[in-house]
Amino acid sequence: MIKLRNHGLFGLLTYTYVISLFPKSDLIRALILVPILLYSIVVLDKLNPKVEVFKLSYLDILLGVLSAIPYILIIYEVRSFTVLIPITLLLLSLYFFHERKSMWGNVVGTAFISALSFILTLFVNNPFYLLIPSFWTLYTFTQALYVEYKIPYRKLDRKVLMVSWSISLFLLITLSIYLNAFLILLALVEPSVRFFKPGEKLKSSKEIRSLGRGGMKRDLLFVTLTVVTSYLVFFRV
């Protein structure tokens, strides 16, 4: 049995995998991804605390390189400009951690994991290889900002959260209109209410755990709505 310290990381990568398979995907290729992602979860769980303080051993670096090899091979096969998105986010996350800006390192790092969907959707031949990853990545980026805003000791203005989601909405609505996928916009209703009215910060650090649990449930709702509506859009049900 795999024992993990960061269950949020496991949930995020699992959601990223699931959302990458809809509305349509190649079953064999989807199954091939399972062991790759399981190894990725174990490695990320081990390396994440060390990356945050930039204290990596040679063994840690080797594990990271081995974890990256399958993705490099997939990138070589699909050869799409969209793979530059997760690569850029990874480099940005490492930069922020190196500069001791852990909050932004965590936010961008979260978006990086979600942005792996840009690679996964292409590998499984998902026809919505641009729409689905865009929704998921922009949502999780702003969701990460929401969490950071709510933490009592983080000095993050709610305006940053609101601006981030405003830009995300503009991009996602424009993309949905261009691809004639209006129905999928329903997935944006709940996060829009939450991000534009985030409320006050938590009163105590003890509330962070419950914030995380609530976030996972909302992520599940977003994934479910995105999956269902994308299916309806693709098959014109």
C-alpha atoms as a PDB file:
ATOM      1  CA  MET A   1       0.000   0.000   0.000  1.00  0.00           C
ATOM      2  CA  ILE A   2       1.269   3.494  -0.884  1.00  0.00           C
ATOM      3  CA  LYS A   3       1.626   5.754   2.157  1.00  0.00           C
ATOM      4  CA  LEU A   4       1.524   9.446   1.354  1.00  0.00           C
ATOM      5  CA  ARG A   5       2.080  12.516   3.484  1.00  0.00           C
ATOM      6  CA  ASN A   6       0.318  14.939   1.161  1.00  0.00           C
ATOM      7  CA  HIS A   7      -3.171  13.611   0.428  1.00  0.00           C
ATOM      8  CA  GLY A   8      -4.111  16.863  -1.294  1.00  0.00           C
ATOM      9  CA  LEU A   9      -1.422  16.172  -3.884  1.00  0.00           C
ATOM     10  CA  PHE A  10      -2.842  12.697  -4.473  1.00  0.00           C
ATOM     11  CA  GLY A  11      -6.330  14.142  -4.938  1.00  0.00           C
ATOM     12  CA  LEU A  12      -5.137  16.853  -7.322  1.00  0.00           C
ATOM     13  CA  LEU A  13      -3.228  14.454  -9.571  1.00  0.00           C
ATOM     14  CA  THR A  14      -6.120  11.982  -9.511  1.00  0.00           C
ATOM     15  CA  TYR A  15      -8.576  14.687 -10.565  1.00  0.00           C
ATOM     16  CA  THR A  16      -6.127  15.809 -13.258  1.00  0.00           C
ATOM     17  CA  TYR A  17      -6.034  12.278 -14.652  1.00  0.00           C
ATOM     18  CA  VAL A  18      -9.810  11.796 -14.555  1.00  0.00           C
ATOM     19  CA  ILE A  19     -10.670  15.138 -16.133  1.00  0.00           C
ATOM     20  CA  SER A  20      -8.162  14.463 -18.929  1.00  0.00           C
ATOM     21  CA  LEU A  21     -10.130  11.414 -20.099  1.00  0.00           C
ATOM     22  CA  PHE A  22     -13.385  13.188 -20.941  1.00  0.00           C
ATOM     23  CA  PRO A  23     -15.401  13.542 -23.054  1.00  0.00           C
ATOM     24  CA  LYS A  24     -13.590  10.879 -25.094  1.00  0.00           C
ATOM     25  CA  SER A  25     -10.256   9.077 -24.868  1.00  0.00           C
ATOM     26  CA  ASP A  26      -8.300   6.039 -25.986  1.00  0.00           C
ATOM     27  CA  LEU A  27      -8.808   3.359 -23.301  1.00  0.00           C
ATOM     28  CA  ILE A  28      -5.462   1.611 -23.841  1.00  0.00           C
ATOM     29  CA  ARG A  29      -3.540   4.869 -23.597  1.00  0.00           C
ATOM     30  CA  ALA A  30      -5.548   5.845 -20.520  1.00  0.00           C
ATOM     31  CA  LEU A  31      -4.502   2.600 -18.813  1.00  0.00           C
ATOM     32  CA  ILE A  32      -0.859   3.134 -19.779  1.00  0.00           C
ATOM     33  CA  LEU A  33      -0.934   6.400 -17.829  1.00  0.00           C
ATOM     34  CA  VAL A  34      -1.953   4.739 -14.541  1.00  0.00           C
ATOM     35  CA  PRO A  35       1.477   3.357 -13.475  1.00  0.00           C
ATOM     36  CA  ILE A  36       3.161   6.540 -14.731  1.00  0.00           C
ATOM     37  CA  LEU A  37       0.927   8.707 -12.560  1.00  0.00           C
ATOM     38  CA  LEU A  38       1.236   6.413  -9.536  1.00  0.00           C
ATOM     39  CA  TYR A  39       5.009   6.752  -9.701  1.00  0.00           C
ATOM     40  CA  SER A  40       4.631  10.510 -10.167  1.00  0.00           C
ATOM     41  CA  ILE A  41       2.481  10.742  -7.031  1.00  0.00           C
ATOM     42  CA  VAL A  42       5.060   8.893  -4.929  1.00  0.00           C
ATOM     43  CA  VAL A  43       7.951  11.001  -6.243  1.00  0.00           C
ATOM     44  CA  LEU A  44       6.109  14.315  -5.880  1.00  0.00           C
ATOM     45  CA  ASP A  45       5.057  13.392  -2.346  1.00  0.00           C
ATOM     46  CA  LYS A  46       8.678  12.667  -1.446  1.00  0.00           C
ATOM     47  CA  LEU A  47      10.265  15.642  -3.200  1.00  0.00           C
ATOM     48  CA  ASN A  48       7.722  18.393  -2.562  1.00  0.00           C
ATOM     49  CA  PRO A  49       8.914  19.314   0.972  1.00  0.00           C
ATOM     50  CA  LYS A  50      12.539  19.327  -0.227  1.00  0.00           C
ATOM     51  CA  VAL A  51      11.809  21.411  -3.307  1.00  0.00           C
ATOM     52  CA  GLU A  52      10.143  24.044  -1.128  1.00  0.00           C
ATOM     53  CA  VAL A  53      13.432  24.633   0.713  1.00  0.00           C
ATOM     54  CA  PHE A  54      15.612  23.722  -2.296  1.00  0.00           C
ATOM     55  CA  LYS A  55      17.488  20.940  -0.493  1.00  0.00           C
ATOM     56  CA  LEU A  56      17.686  18.045  -2.937  1.00  0.00           C
ATOM     57  CA  SER A  57      20.117  15.137  -2.826  1.00  0.00           C
ATOM     58  CA  TYR A  58      21.506  13.449  -5.934  1.00  0.00           C
ATOM     59  CA  LEU A  59      19.062  10.589  -5.323  1.00  0.00           C
ATOM     60  CA  ASP A  60      16.172  13.062  -5.209  1.00  0.00           C
ATOM     61  CA  ILE A  61      17.261  14.568  -8.517  1.00  0.00           C
ATOM     62  CA  LEU A  62      17.553  11.085 -10.046  1.00  0.00           C
ATOM     63  CA  LEU A  63      14.018  10.208  -8.902  1.00  0.00           C
ATOM     64  CA  GLY A  64      12.749  13.442 -10.423  1.00  0.00           C
ATOM     65  CA  VAL A  65      14.483  12.772 -13.736  1.00  0.00           C
ATOM     66  CA  LEU A  66      13.117   9.215 -13.897  1.00  0.00           C
ATOM     67  CA  SER A  67       9.634  10.561 -13.195  1.00  0.00           C
ATOM     68  CA  ALA A  68       9.976  13.095 -16.014  1.00  0.00           C
ATOM     69  CA  ILE A  69      11.089  10.595 -18.694  1.00  0.00           C
ATOM     70  CA  PRO A  70       7.580   9.290 -19.602  1.00  0.00           C
ATOM     71  CA  TYR A  71       6.297  12.854 -19.953  1.00  0.00           C
ATOM     72  CA  ILE A  72       9.262  13.806 -22.127  1.00  0.00           C
ATOM     73  CA  LEU A  73       8.500  10.851 -24.405  1.00  0.00           C
ATOM     74  CA  ILE A  74       4.836  11.862 -24.598  1.00  0.00           C
ATOM     75  CA  ILE A  75       5.795  15.470 -25.367  1.00  0.00           C
ATOM     76  CA  TYR A  76       8.068  14.229 -28.148  1.00  0.00           C
ATOM     77  CA  GLU A  77       5.206  12.197 -29.612  1.00  0.00           C
ATOM     78  CA  VAL A  78       2.430  14.805 -29.448  1.00  0.00           C
ATOM     79  CA  ARG A  79       4.589  17.833 -30.382  1.00  0.00           C
ATOM     80  CA  SER A  80       2.044  20.488 -29.486  1.00  0.00           C
ATOM     81  CA  PHE A  81       2.691  24.053 -28.365  1.00  0.00           C
ATOM     82  CA  THR A  82       0.331  23.532 -25.416  1.00  0.00           C
ATOM     83  CA  VAL A  83       2.926  21.375 -23.625  1.00  0.00           C
ATOM     84  CA  LEU A  84       4.867  24.594 -23.073  1.00  0.00           C
ATOM     85  CA  ILE A  85       2.259  25.577 -20.477  1.00  0.00           C
ATOM     86  CA  PRO A  86       3.116  22.921 -17.839  1.00  0.00           C
ATOM     87  CA  ILE A  87       6.835  23.294 -18.597  1.00  0.00           C
ATOM     88  CA  THR A  88       6.645  27.049 -18.016  1.00  0.00           C
ATOM     89  CA  LEU A  89       4.660  26.616 -14.804  1.00  0.00           C
ATOM     90  CA  LEU A  90       7.177  24.080 -13.482  1.00  0.00           C
ATOM     91  CA  LEU A  91      10.099  26.420 -14.119  1.00  0.00           C
ATOM     92  CA  LEU A  92       8.225  29.339 -12.538  1.00  0.00           C
ATOM     93  CA  SER A  93       7.406  27.265  -9.469  1.00  0.00           C
ATOM     94  CA  LEU A  94      11.049  26.251  -9.023  1.00  0.00           C
ATOM     95  CA  TYR A  95      12.091  29.876  -9.446  1.00  0.00           C
ATOM     96  CA  PHE A  96       9.713  31.063  -6.716  1.00  0.00           C
ATOM     97  CA  PHE A  97      10.886  28.359  -4.316  1.00  0.00           C
ATOM     98  CA  HIS A  98      14.511  29.230  -5.067  1.00  0.00           C
ATOM     99  CA  GLU A  99      13.745  32.879  -4.275  1.00  0.00           C
ATOM    100  CA  ARG A 100      12.074  31.818  -0.992  1.00  0.00           C
ATOM    101  CA  LYS A 101       8.666  32.966  -2.210  1.00  0.00           C
ATOM    102  CA  SER A 102       6.925  29.827  -0.998  1.00  0.00           C
ATOM    103  CA  MET A 103       3.364  31.121  -1.355  1.00  0.00           C
ATOM    104  CA  TRP A 104       3.745  31.752  -5.087  1.00  0.00           C
ATOM    105  CA  GLY A 105       5.767  28.564  -5.421  1.00  0.00           C
ATOM    106  CA  ASN A 106       2.835  26.602  -3.999  1.00  0.00           C
ATOM    107  CA  VAL A 107       0.235  28.404  -6.130  1.00  0.00           C
ATOM    108  CA  VAL A 108       2.142  27.978  -9.394  1.00  0.00           C
ATOM    109  CA  GLY A 109       3.181  24.442  -8.411  1.00  0.00           C
ATOM    110  CA  THR A 110      -0.477  23.523  -7.971  1.00  0.00           C
ATOM    111  CA  ALA A 111      -1.248  24.944 -11.407  1.00  0.00           C
ATOM    112  CA  PHE A 112       1.679  22.948 -12.844  1.00  0.00           C
ATOM    113  CA  ILE A 113       0.216  19.648 -11.657  1.00  0.00           C
ATOM    114  CA  SER A 114      -3.177  20.574 -13.110  1.00  0.00           C
ATOM    115  CA  ALA A 115      -1.509  21.685 -16.340  1.00  0.00           C
ATOM    116  CA  LEU A 116      -0.181  18.158 -16.834  1.00  0.00           C
ATOM    117  CA  SER A 117      -3.666  17.677 -18.285  1.00  0.00           C
ATOM    118  CA  PHE A 118      -2.407  19.525 -21.387  1.00  0.00           C
ATOM    119  CA  ILE A 119      -0.033  16.581 -21.898  1.00  0.00           C
ATOM    120  CA  LEU A 120      -2.389  13.812 -20.798  1.00  0.00           C
ATOM    121  CA  THR A 121      -5.315  14.891 -23.004  1.00  0.00           C
ATOM    122  CA  LEU A 122      -3.092  14.852 -26.070  1.00  0.00           C
ATOM    123  CA  PHE A 123      -1.716  11.413 -25.221  1.00  0.00           C
ATOM    124  CA  VAL A 124      -5.168   9.835 -24.820  1.00  0.00           C
ATOM    125  CA  ASN A 125      -6.438  11.571 -27.990  1.00  0.00           C
ATOM    126  CA  ASN A 126      -9.008  13.677 -26.161  1.00  0.00           C
ATOM    127  CA  PRO A 127     -10.668  15.974 -28.745  1.00  0.00           C
ATOM    128  CA  PHE A 128     -11.013  18.672 -26.057  1.00  0.00           C
ATOM    129  CA  TYR A 129      -7.237  18.810 -25.549  1.00  0.00           C
ATOM    130  CA  LEU A 130      -7.311  22.605 -25.213  1.00  0.00           C
ATOM    131  CA  LEU A 131     -10.683  23.309 -23.580  1.00  0.00           C
ATOM    132  CA  ILE A 132     -10.599  20.852 -20.660  1.00  0.00           C
ATOM    133  CA  PRO A 133      -7.005  21.570 -19.523  1.00  0.00           C
ATOM    134  CA  SER A 134      -7.632  25.320 -19.760  1.00  0.00           C
ATOM    135  CA  PHE A 135     -10.674  25.069 -17.505  1.00  0.00           C
ATOM    136  CA  TRP A 136      -8.903  22.834 -14.994  1.00  0.00           C
ATOM    137  CA  THR A 137      -5.618  24.750 -14.845  1.00  0.00           C
ATOM    138  CA  LEU A 138      -7.139  28.218 -14.518  1.00  0.00           C
ATOM    139  CA  TYR A 139      -9.605  26.966 -11.918  1.00  0.00           C
ATOM    140  CA  THR A 140      -6.952  25.304  -9.756  1.00  0.00           C
ATOM    141  CA  PHE A 141      -4.636  28.308 -10.032  1.00  0.00           C
ATOM    142  CA  THR A 142      -7.317  30.618  -8.638  1.00  0.00           C
ATOM    143  CA  GLN A 143      -8.427  27.970  -6.136  1.00  0.00           C
ATOM    144  CA  ALA A 144      -4.851  27.871  -4.825  1.00  0.00           C
ATOM    145  CA  LEU A 145      -4.925  31.671  -4.516  1.00  0.00           C
ATOM    146  CA  TYR A 146      -8.231  31.361  -2.644  1.00  0.00           C
ATOM    147  CA  VAL A 147      -6.665  28.977  -0.132  1.00  0.00           C
ATOM    148  CA  GLU A 148      -3.636  31.224   0.341  1.00  0.00           C
ATOM    149  CA  TYR A 149      -5.902  34.240   0.851  1.00  0.00           C
ATOM    150  CA  LYS A 150      -7.911  32.431   3.548  1.00  0.00           C
ATOM    151  CA  ILE A 151      -4.814  31.418   5.561  1.00  0.00           C
ATOM    152  CA  PRO A 152      -4.516  33.918   8.451  1.00  0.00           C
ATOM    153  CA  TYR A 153      -0.785  34.585   8.190  1.00  0.00           C
ATOM    154  CA  ARG A 154      -0.689  35.042   4.404  1.00  0.00           C
ATOM    155  CA  LYS A 155      -0.604  38.655   3.277  1.00  0.00           C
ATOM    156  CA  LEU A 156      -2.586  38.232   0.083  1.00  0.00           C
ATOM    157  CA  ASP A 157      -5.180  40.825  -0.865  1.00  0.00           C
ATOM    158  CA  ARG A 158      -8.540  39.487  -2.022  1.00  0.00           C
ATOM    159  CA  LYS A 159      -8.243  41.760  -5.066  1.00  0.00           C
ATOM    160  CA  VAL A 160      -5.490  39.478  -6.415  1.00  0.00           C
ATOM    161  CA  LEU A 161      -7.902  36.556  -6.209  1.00  0.00           C
ATOM    162  CA  MET A 162     -10.688  38.487  -7.918  1.00  0.00           C
ATOM    163  CA  VAL A 163      -8.450  39.788 -10.713  1.00  0.00           C
ATOM    164  CA  SER A 164      -7.106  36.280 -11.336  1.00  0.00           C
ATOM    165  CA  TRP A 165     -10.602  34.844 -11.697  1.00  0.00           C
ATOM    166  CA  SER A 166     -11.800  37.769 -13.826  1.00  0.00           C
ATOM    167  CA  ILE A 167      -8.990  37.120 -16.316  1.00  0.00           C
ATOM    168  CA  SER A 168      -9.686  33.382 -16.169  1.00  0.00           C
ATOM    169  CA  LEU A 169     -13.382  33.924 -16.855  1.00  0.00           C
ATOM    170  CA  PHE A 170     -12.632  36.117 -19.843  1.00  0.00           C
ATOM    171  CA  LEU A 171     -10.282  33.511 -21.334  1.00  0.00           C
ATOM    172  CA  LEU A 172     -12.571  30.554 -20.650  1.00  0.00           C
ATOM    173  CA  ILE A 173     -15.724  32.252 -21.912  1.00  0.00           C
ATOM    174  CA  THR A 174     -13.910  33.363 -25.068  1.00  0.00           C
ATOM    175  CA  LEU A 175     -12.559  29.847 -25.650  1.00  0.00           C
ATOM    176  CA  SER A 176     -15.968  28.258 -25.028  1.00  0.00           C
ATOM    177  CA  ILE A 177     -17.651  30.621 -27.485  1.00  0.00           C
ATOM    178  CA  TYR A 178     -14.968  29.946 -30.094  1.00  0.00           C
ATOM    179  CA  LEU A 179     -15.395  26.175 -29.717  1.00  0.00           C
ATOM    180  CA  ASN A 180     -19.206  26.397 -29.466  1.00  0.00           C
ATOM    181  CA  ALA A 181     -19.134  24.764 -26.031  1.00  0.00           C
ATOM    182  CA  PHE A 182     -21.410  27.073 -24.050  1.00  0.00           C
ATOM    183  CA  LEU A 183     -22.814  24.385 -21.745  1.00  0.00           C
ATOM    184  CA  ILE A 184     -19.461  23.760 -20.091  1.00  0.00           C
ATOM    185  CA  LEU A 185     -19.604  27.286 -18.662  1.00  0.00           C
ATOM    186  CA  LEU A 186     -22.010  25.936 -16.019  1.00  0.00           C
ATOM    187  CA  ALA A 187     -18.963  24.548 -14.211  1.00  0.00           C
ATOM    188  CA  LEU A 188     -17.813  28.125 -13.563  1.00  0.00           C
ATOM    189  CA  VAL A 189     -20.869  29.247 -11.585  1.00  0.00           C
ATOM    190  CA  GLU A 190     -19.937  27.909  -8.129  1.00  0.00           C
ATOM    191  CA  PRO A 191     -16.283  29.014  -8.202  1.00  0.00           C
ATOM    192  CA  SER A 192     -17.319  32.442  -9.506  1.00  0.00           C
ATOM    193  CA  VAL A 193     -19.560  33.016  -6.487  1.00  0.00           C
ATOM    194  CA  ARG A 194     -16.819  31.832  -4.124  1.00  0.00           C
ATOM    195  CA  PHE A 195     -13.910  33.699  -5.701  1.00  0.00           C
ATOM    196  CA  PHE A 196     -15.733  37.005  -6.082  1.00  0.00           C
ATOM    197  CA  LYS A 197     -17.069  36.789  -2.508  1.00  0.00           C
ATOM    198  CA  PRO A 198     -14.289  34.970  -0.636  1.00  0.00           C
ATOM    199  CA  GLY A 199     -15.347  36.237   2.782  1.00  0.00           C
ATOM    200  CA  GLU A 200     -12.958  36.966   5.623  1.00  0.00           C
ATOM    201  CA  LYS A 201      -9.732  35.149   6.395  1.00  0.00           C
ATOM    202  CA  LEU A 202      -9.770  32.182   8.761  1.00  0.00           C
ATOM    203  CA  LYS A 203      -9.586  33.165  12.407  1.00  0.00           C
ATOM    204  CA  SER A 204      -7.191  30.366  13.343  1.00  0.00           C
ATOM    205  CA  SER A 205      -4.652  28.079  11.679  1.00  0.00           C
ATOM    206  CA  LYS A 206      -6.613  25.168  13.156  1.00  0.00           C
ATOM    207  CA  GLU A 207      -9.285  25.806  10.530  1.00  0.00           C
ATOM    208  CA  ILE A 208      -6.888  25.172   7.621  1.00  0.00           C
ATOM    209  CA  ARG A 209      -7.540  21.419   7.661  1.00  0.00           C
ATOM    210  CA  SER A 210     -11.295  21.888   7.276  1.00  0.00           C
ATOM    211  CA  LEU A 211     -10.613  24.446   4.517  1.00  0.00           C
ATOM    212  CA  GLY A 212      -8.613  21.790   2.676  1.00  0.00           C
ATOM    213  CA  ARG A 213     -11.353  19.185   3.022  1.00  0.00           C
ATOM    214  CA  GLY A 214     -13.931  21.647   1.767  1.00  0.00           C
ATOM    215  CA  GLY A 215     -11.664  22.520  -1.150  1.00  0.00           C
ATOM    216  CA  MET A 216     -11.391  18.876  -2.195  1.00  0.00           C
ATOM    217  CA  LYS A 217     -15.190  18.569  -2.245  1.00  0.00           C
ATOM    218  CA  ARG A 218     -15.516  21.703  -4.360  1.00  0.00           C
ATOM    219  CA  ASP A 219     -12.808  20.416  -6.705  1.00  0.00           C
ATOM    220  CA  LEU A 220     -14.808  17.213  -7.091  1.00  0.00           C
ATOM    221  CA  LEU A 221     -17.916  19.249  -7.911  1.00  0.00           C
ATOM    222  CA  PHE A 222     -16.004  21.252 -10.522  1.00  0.00           C
ATOM    223  CA  VAL A 223     -14.536  18.098 -12.091  1.00  0.00           C
ATOM    224  CA  THR A 224     -17.943  16.401 -12.151  1.00  0.00           C
ATOM    225  CA  LEU A 225     -19.678  19.363 -13.787  1.00  0.00           C
ATOM    226  CA  THR A 226     -16.867  19.785 -16.310  1.00  0.00           C
ATOM    227  CA  VAL A 227     -16.900  16.094 -17.209  1.00  0.00           C
ATOM    228  CA  VAL A 228     -20.698  15.895 -17.556  1.00  0.00           C
ATOM    229  CA  THR A 229     -21.094  19.115 -19.549  1.00  0.00           C
ATOM    230  CA  SER A 230     -18.140  18.327 -21.827  1.00  0.00           C
ATOM    231  CA  TYR A 231     -19.729  14.953 -22.568  1.00  0.00           C
ATOM    232  CA  LEU A 232     -23.043  16.630 -23.409  1.00  0.00           C
ATOM    233  CA  VAL A 233     -21.308  19.198 -25.603  1.00  0.00           C
ATOM    234  CA  PHE A 234     -19.221  16.651 -27.500  1.00  0.00           C
ATOM    235  CA  PHE A 235     -22.040  14.207 -28.162  1.00  0.00           C
ATOM    236  CA  ARG A 236     -24.632  16.992 -28.576  1.00  0.00           C
ATOM    237  CA  VAL A 237     -27.005  15.242 -26.208  1.00  0.00           C
END
